Amino acid sequence: MSNLRRKLPSSSSLFVFEAAARCGSFTRAADELCVSQPAVSRMLSRLEEHLGVQLFERVRGGARLTESGSILFRRVQEGFSTIESAISEIEARATGIETVTLSVSTAFTTHWLMPRMSRFNQRFPTVDMRYQLMSGRIGGPLVDVDLGMRYLDEGSLKATEKLVIPEITLPVCNPQYLADVVQGRSRKQVPTLISMDHQDRAWAAPFGTPGRADNTLVFSDYAVVVQAALLGQGIALGWLNVVSNSLCKGELVPAAETFRVNSRRCCLVVPGNRPVRPIVENVRDWIIEEMRADMLEIDALYPHLGLAATLESSL
């Protein structure tokens, strides 16, 4: 640490550097730090002079990191993140409450996690759960969260990724809709298809003409797609990691005799730039445990689907 002090003009220069690099502007960094723009410029000039390299290129409308600046920024971010994590852990130990932030879809939160929050609270009475919710397709890097659910392509898992289940889809509807419309074909009623924007509707071919506008409901949020199916508005393609709870409770039922195992995998991912707290690992393992218990219950309800055998070969 004494060596690090000799390599820097001051410890505060790292905070100023991080803010300027993240903001891409000395002016915006100054506003964030509540100092003047010339003060930020002087501090960064001293840092560059002390290190003997240029960290920023002054460009129109802001500042851009050089290659050396990018190297330093990456390491500074990792260091600050580790320190922040340690402080949060210390605070949690003092208060007895630990915050865990999840990056998940609104659909997963609404239809899978919320119905079992009483069990979660019994298992983790000192966890304050927070959410970073995505209404459309889930994806992207994890930013300011502890744990995220992502669909990843097949391949070996990284140390930061843990498999929940393969991506499995199955057409679903509520039991009354199945009896009245799907199985009651004598009335010649074409089932209504419920889907997401830009979703491939080839899955719906057995239920009618996928392209017909008069028998299609389209939503931008998958949580609404599932809710419409629960309300008996039609048939939706169910992702099992979202609809498994509703299938176990009988609120939704399979509308077809087969499911599809897709090439992607549903995984829980932790950020790679900071250590994983034990409580985050415990929450992750609990979600996986609950999800796989759902799969076994669905297999018991619908053994003809062969879900357990498929999971056994995939996990």
Foldseek 3Di string as FASTA:
>chain_A
DVVVCQLFPDPCLLVLLLLQAVVQALCRSCVVVVHHSVVSVVSQVRNCVSNVHDQWDDDPPGIHGDPVVVVSNLVSVLVVVAVVVVVQVVVCVVVVAHEAEEEEEPLLCVQPVVVCVVVVCVVPVRYDYHYDYDFAADDDADDPGFKYKHWAFDDDDDPQKDFQFFFKKFKKAAPVLLVCPLVVCVVVDQFAEEEEPPDDPPVCVVRDDSPDPVRYHYDRGVNVSVVCRLVGRGIYIDGCSRCLVCCLVRSMHGSDQEMDGDRITIIMGGDPSYDRDPVSVVVRVVSSVVSVVSQVSNCVVRVSHVSVVVRVVVD
